[in-house]
Amino acid sequence: MRRWLWARLLRAVSQSSLHWRVEKGTGRIVKVRAEFYSRLKEVVGAPALEISLPEKATVNDLLEQLLASYPQLRDFEKSMLFGVGVEFVDRDHVLNDGDTIAIMPPVQGG
């Protein structure tokens, strides 16, 4: 029974979207695609998620939603890098409908 439930949960998470309730403003939402790299992909359990946020949401708003759903990401929170398109962006960057945001840990070399 546990294996079945675990498999179903993993399948649901990998195929689902995270949705943030719209509490104020225009009531409009934007949908973004969050892509995870390196260890972050392992923590989330998927290479990417489709996420709904209130209009004018920032990268920081997205991060708060992700941290609520994936508390293990807190270990990487201070060092995460964010990119939209071909540009790195700050946490106060406003996300637009259809944006793809890359979320990655800092690059390490050796």
C-alpha atoms as a PDB file:
ATOM      1  CA  MET A   1       0.000   0.000   0.000  1.00  0.00           C
ATOM      2  CA  ARG A   2       2.770   2.454   0.897  1.00  0.00           C
ATOM      3  CA  ARG A   3       4.632   1.864  -2.365  1.00  0.00           C
ATOM      4  CA  TRP A   4       1.488   2.463  -4.365  1.00  0.00           C
ATOM      5  CA  LEU A   5       0.741   5.684  -2.480  1.00  0.00           C
ATOM      6  CA  TRP A   6       4.340   6.907  -2.812  1.00  0.00           C
ATOM      7  CA  ALA A   7       4.395   6.169  -6.556  1.00  0.00           C
ATOM      8  CA  ARG A   8       1.092   7.969  -7.035  1.00  0.00           C
ATOM      9  CA  LEU A   9       2.316  10.988  -5.069  1.00  0.00           C
ATOM     10  CA  LEU A  10       5.526  11.225  -7.096  1.00  0.00           C
ATOM     11  CA  ARG A  11       3.595  10.973 -10.351  1.00  0.00           C
ATOM     12  CA  ALA A  12       1.162  13.678  -9.232  1.00  0.00           C
ATOM     13  CA  VAL A  13       3.944  16.038  -8.190  1.00  0.00           C
ATOM     14  CA  SER A  14       5.879  15.584 -11.411  1.00  0.00           C
ATOM     15  CA  GLN A  15       2.792  16.193 -13.545  1.00  0.00           C
ATOM     16  CA  SER A  16       1.135  18.907 -11.529  1.00  0.00           C
ATOM     17  CA  SER A  17       1.462  22.619 -11.158  1.00  0.00           C
ATOM     18  CA  LEU A  18       1.849  24.674  -8.037  1.00  0.00           C
ATOM     19  CA  HIS A  19      -0.897  27.254  -7.703  1.00  0.00           C
ATOM     20  CA  TRP A  20      -0.718  30.274  -5.450  1.00  0.00           C
ATOM     21  CA  ARG A  21      -4.018  31.774  -4.363  1.00  0.00           C
ATOM     22  CA  VAL A  22      -4.669  35.233  -5.658  1.00  0.00           C
ATOM     23  CA  GLU A  23      -5.557  37.204  -2.549  1.00  0.00           C
ATOM     24  CA  LYS A  24      -5.555  40.776  -3.790  1.00  0.00           C
ATOM     25  CA  GLY A  25      -5.017  42.900  -6.855  1.00  0.00           C
ATOM     26  CA  THR A  26      -6.694  42.325 -10.179  1.00  0.00           C
ATOM     27  CA  GLY A  27      -7.254  38.636  -9.608  1.00  0.00           C
ATOM     28  CA  ARG A  28      -5.246  37.822 -12.712  1.00  0.00           C
ATOM     29  CA  ILE A  29      -2.597  35.163 -12.625  1.00  0.00           C
ATOM     30  CA  VAL A  30       0.564  34.511 -14.569  1.00  0.00           C
ATOM     31  CA  LYS A  31       1.908  31.076 -15.312  1.00  0.00           C
ATOM     32  CA  VAL A  32       5.644  30.552 -15.300  1.00  0.00           C
ATOM     33  CA  ARG A  33       7.850  27.538 -15.840  1.00  0.00           C
ATOM     34  CA  ALA A  34      10.474  27.016 -13.147  1.00  0.00           C
ATOM     35  CA  GLU A  35      13.406  24.882 -14.308  1.00  0.00           C
ATOM     36  CA  PHE A  36      15.720  23.381 -11.697  1.00  0.00           C
ATOM     37  CA  TYR A  37      19.352  22.457 -12.130  1.00  0.00           C
ATOM     38  CA  SER A  38      21.898  20.303 -10.331  1.00  0.00           C
ATOM     39  CA  ARG A  39      20.995  19.458  -6.724  1.00  0.00           C
ATOM     40  CA  LEU A  40      17.852  21.584  -6.833  1.00  0.00           C
ATOM     41  CA  LYS A  41      16.353  19.204  -9.389  1.00  0.00           C
ATOM     42  CA  GLU A  42      16.941  16.342  -6.932  1.00  0.00           C
ATOM     43  CA  VAL A  43      15.360  18.257  -4.040  1.00  0.00           C
ATOM     44  CA  VAL A  44      12.224  19.128  -6.022  1.00  0.00           C
ATOM     45  CA  GLY A  45      12.054  15.711  -7.665  1.00  0.00           C
ATOM     46  CA  ALA A  46      11.419  17.114 -11.130  1.00  0.00           C
ATOM     47  CA  PRO A  47      13.404  19.077 -13.702  1.00  0.00           C
ATOM     48  CA  ALA A  48      10.640  21.680 -14.056  1.00  0.00           C
ATOM     49  CA  LEU A  49       7.283  22.806 -12.660  1.00  0.00           C
ATOM     50  CA  GLU A  50       4.520  24.993 -14.067  1.00  0.00           C
ATOM     51  CA  ILE A  51       3.567  27.519 -11.387  1.00  0.00           C
ATOM     52  CA  SER A  52       0.680  29.990 -11.184  1.00  0.00           C
ATOM     53  CA  LEU A  53       1.293  33.285  -9.375  1.00  0.00           C
ATOM     54  CA  PRO A  54      -0.578  36.560  -8.957  1.00  0.00           C
ATOM     55  CA  GLU A  55       0.010  39.173 -11.622  1.00  0.00           C
ATOM     56  CA  LYS A  56       3.109  41.292 -10.840  1.00  0.00           C
ATOM     57  CA  ALA A  57       4.627  38.528  -8.702  1.00  0.00           C
ATOM     58  CA  THR A  58       8.388  38.691  -8.293  1.00  0.00           C
ATOM     59  CA  VAL A  59      11.090  36.053  -8.234  1.00  0.00           C
ATOM     60  CA  ASN A  60      10.976  36.352  -4.446  1.00  0.00           C
ATOM     61  CA  ASP A  61       7.227  35.563  -4.470  1.00  0.00           C
ATOM     62  CA  LEU A  62       7.965  32.483  -6.556  1.00  0.00           C
ATOM     63  CA  LEU A  63      10.724  31.475  -4.155  1.00  0.00           C
ATOM     64  CA  GLU A  64       8.395  31.811  -1.151  1.00  0.00           C
ATOM     65  CA  GLN A  65       5.867  29.529  -2.867  1.00  0.00           C
ATOM     66  CA  LEU A  66       8.562  26.972  -3.639  1.00  0.00           C
ATOM     67  CA  LEU A  67       9.936  27.068  -0.080  1.00  0.00           C
ATOM     68  CA  ALA A  68       6.444  26.443   1.299  1.00  0.00           C
ATOM     69  CA  SER A  69       6.087  23.344  -0.888  1.00  0.00           C
ATOM     70  CA  TYR A  70       9.707  22.168  -0.748  1.00  0.00           C
ATOM     71  CA  PRO A  71      11.211  23.189   2.621  1.00  0.00           C
ATOM     72  CA  GLN A  72      14.448  21.344   1.780  1.00  0.00           C
ATOM     73  CA  LEU A  73      15.211  24.170  -0.659  1.00  0.00           C
ATOM     74  CA  ARG A  74      15.974  26.403   2.355  1.00  0.00           C
ATOM     75  CA  ASP A  75      19.439  24.835   2.461  1.00  0.00           C
ATOM     76  CA  PHE A  76      20.149  26.536  -0.886  1.00  0.00           C
ATOM     77  CA  GLU A  77      18.028  29.680  -0.499  1.00  0.00           C
ATOM     78  CA  LYS A  78      20.799  32.224   0.100  1.00  0.00           C
ATOM     79  CA  SER A  79      22.979  31.031  -2.766  1.00  0.00           C
ATOM     80  CA  MET A  80      20.405  30.388  -5.515  1.00  0.00           C
ATOM     81  CA  LEU A  81      20.844  32.078  -8.867  1.00  0.00           C
ATOM     82  CA  PHE A  82      17.876  33.021 -11.059  1.00  0.00           C
ATOM     83  CA  GLY A  83      17.743  33.562 -14.791  1.00  0.00           C
ATOM     84  CA  VAL A  84      14.962  34.639 -17.132  1.00  0.00           C
ATOM     85  CA  GLY A  85      15.765  34.293 -20.803  1.00  0.00           C
ATOM     86  CA  VAL A  86      19.508  34.816 -21.150  1.00  0.00           C
ATOM     87  CA  GLU A  87      19.830  37.245 -18.228  1.00  0.00           C
ATOM     88  CA  PHE A  88      20.441  36.679 -14.546  1.00  0.00           C
ATOM     89  CA  VAL A  89      17.795  38.521 -12.524  1.00  0.00           C
ATOM     90  CA  ASP A  90      17.417  39.750  -8.951  1.00  0.00           C
ATOM     91  CA  ARG A  91      14.755  38.562  -6.553  1.00  0.00           C
ATOM     92  CA  ASP A  92      12.711  41.725  -7.118  1.00  0.00           C
ATOM     93  CA  HIS A  93      12.369  41.004 -10.862  1.00  0.00           C
ATOM     94  CA  VAL A  94       8.676  40.960 -11.885  1.00  0.00           C
ATOM     95  CA  LEU A  95       7.652  37.765 -13.660  1.00  0.00           C
ATOM     96  CA  ASN A  96       5.499  37.828 -16.783  1.00  0.00           C
ATOM     97  CA  ASP A  97       3.044  35.264 -18.064  1.00  0.00           C
ATOM     98  CA  GLY A  98       4.899  32.559 -19.967  1.00  0.00           C
ATOM     99  CA  ASP A  99       8.336  33.286 -18.474  1.00  0.00           C
ATOM    100  CA  THR A 100      10.753  30.420 -17.995  1.00  0.00           C
ATOM    101  CA  ILE A 101      12.903  30.957 -14.935  1.00  0.00           C
ATOM    102  CA  ALA A 102      16.046  28.933 -14.381  1.00  0.00           C
ATOM    103  CA  ILE A 103      16.795  28.265 -10.722  1.00  0.00           C
ATOM    104  CA  MET A 104      20.256  26.976  -9.984  1.00  0.00           C
ATOM    105  CA  PRO A 105      22.810  26.679  -7.235  1.00  0.00           C
ATOM    106  CA  PRO A 106      26.055  28.602  -7.697  1.00  0.00           C
ATOM    107  CA  VAL A 107      28.519  27.072 -10.126  1.00  0.00           C
ATOM    108  CA  GLN A 108      31.298  25.196  -8.400  1.00  0.00           C
ATOM    109  CA  GLY A 109      34.529  24.260 -10.012  1.00  0.00           C
ATOM    110  CA  GLY A 110      37.503  22.312  -8.956  1.00  0.00           C
END
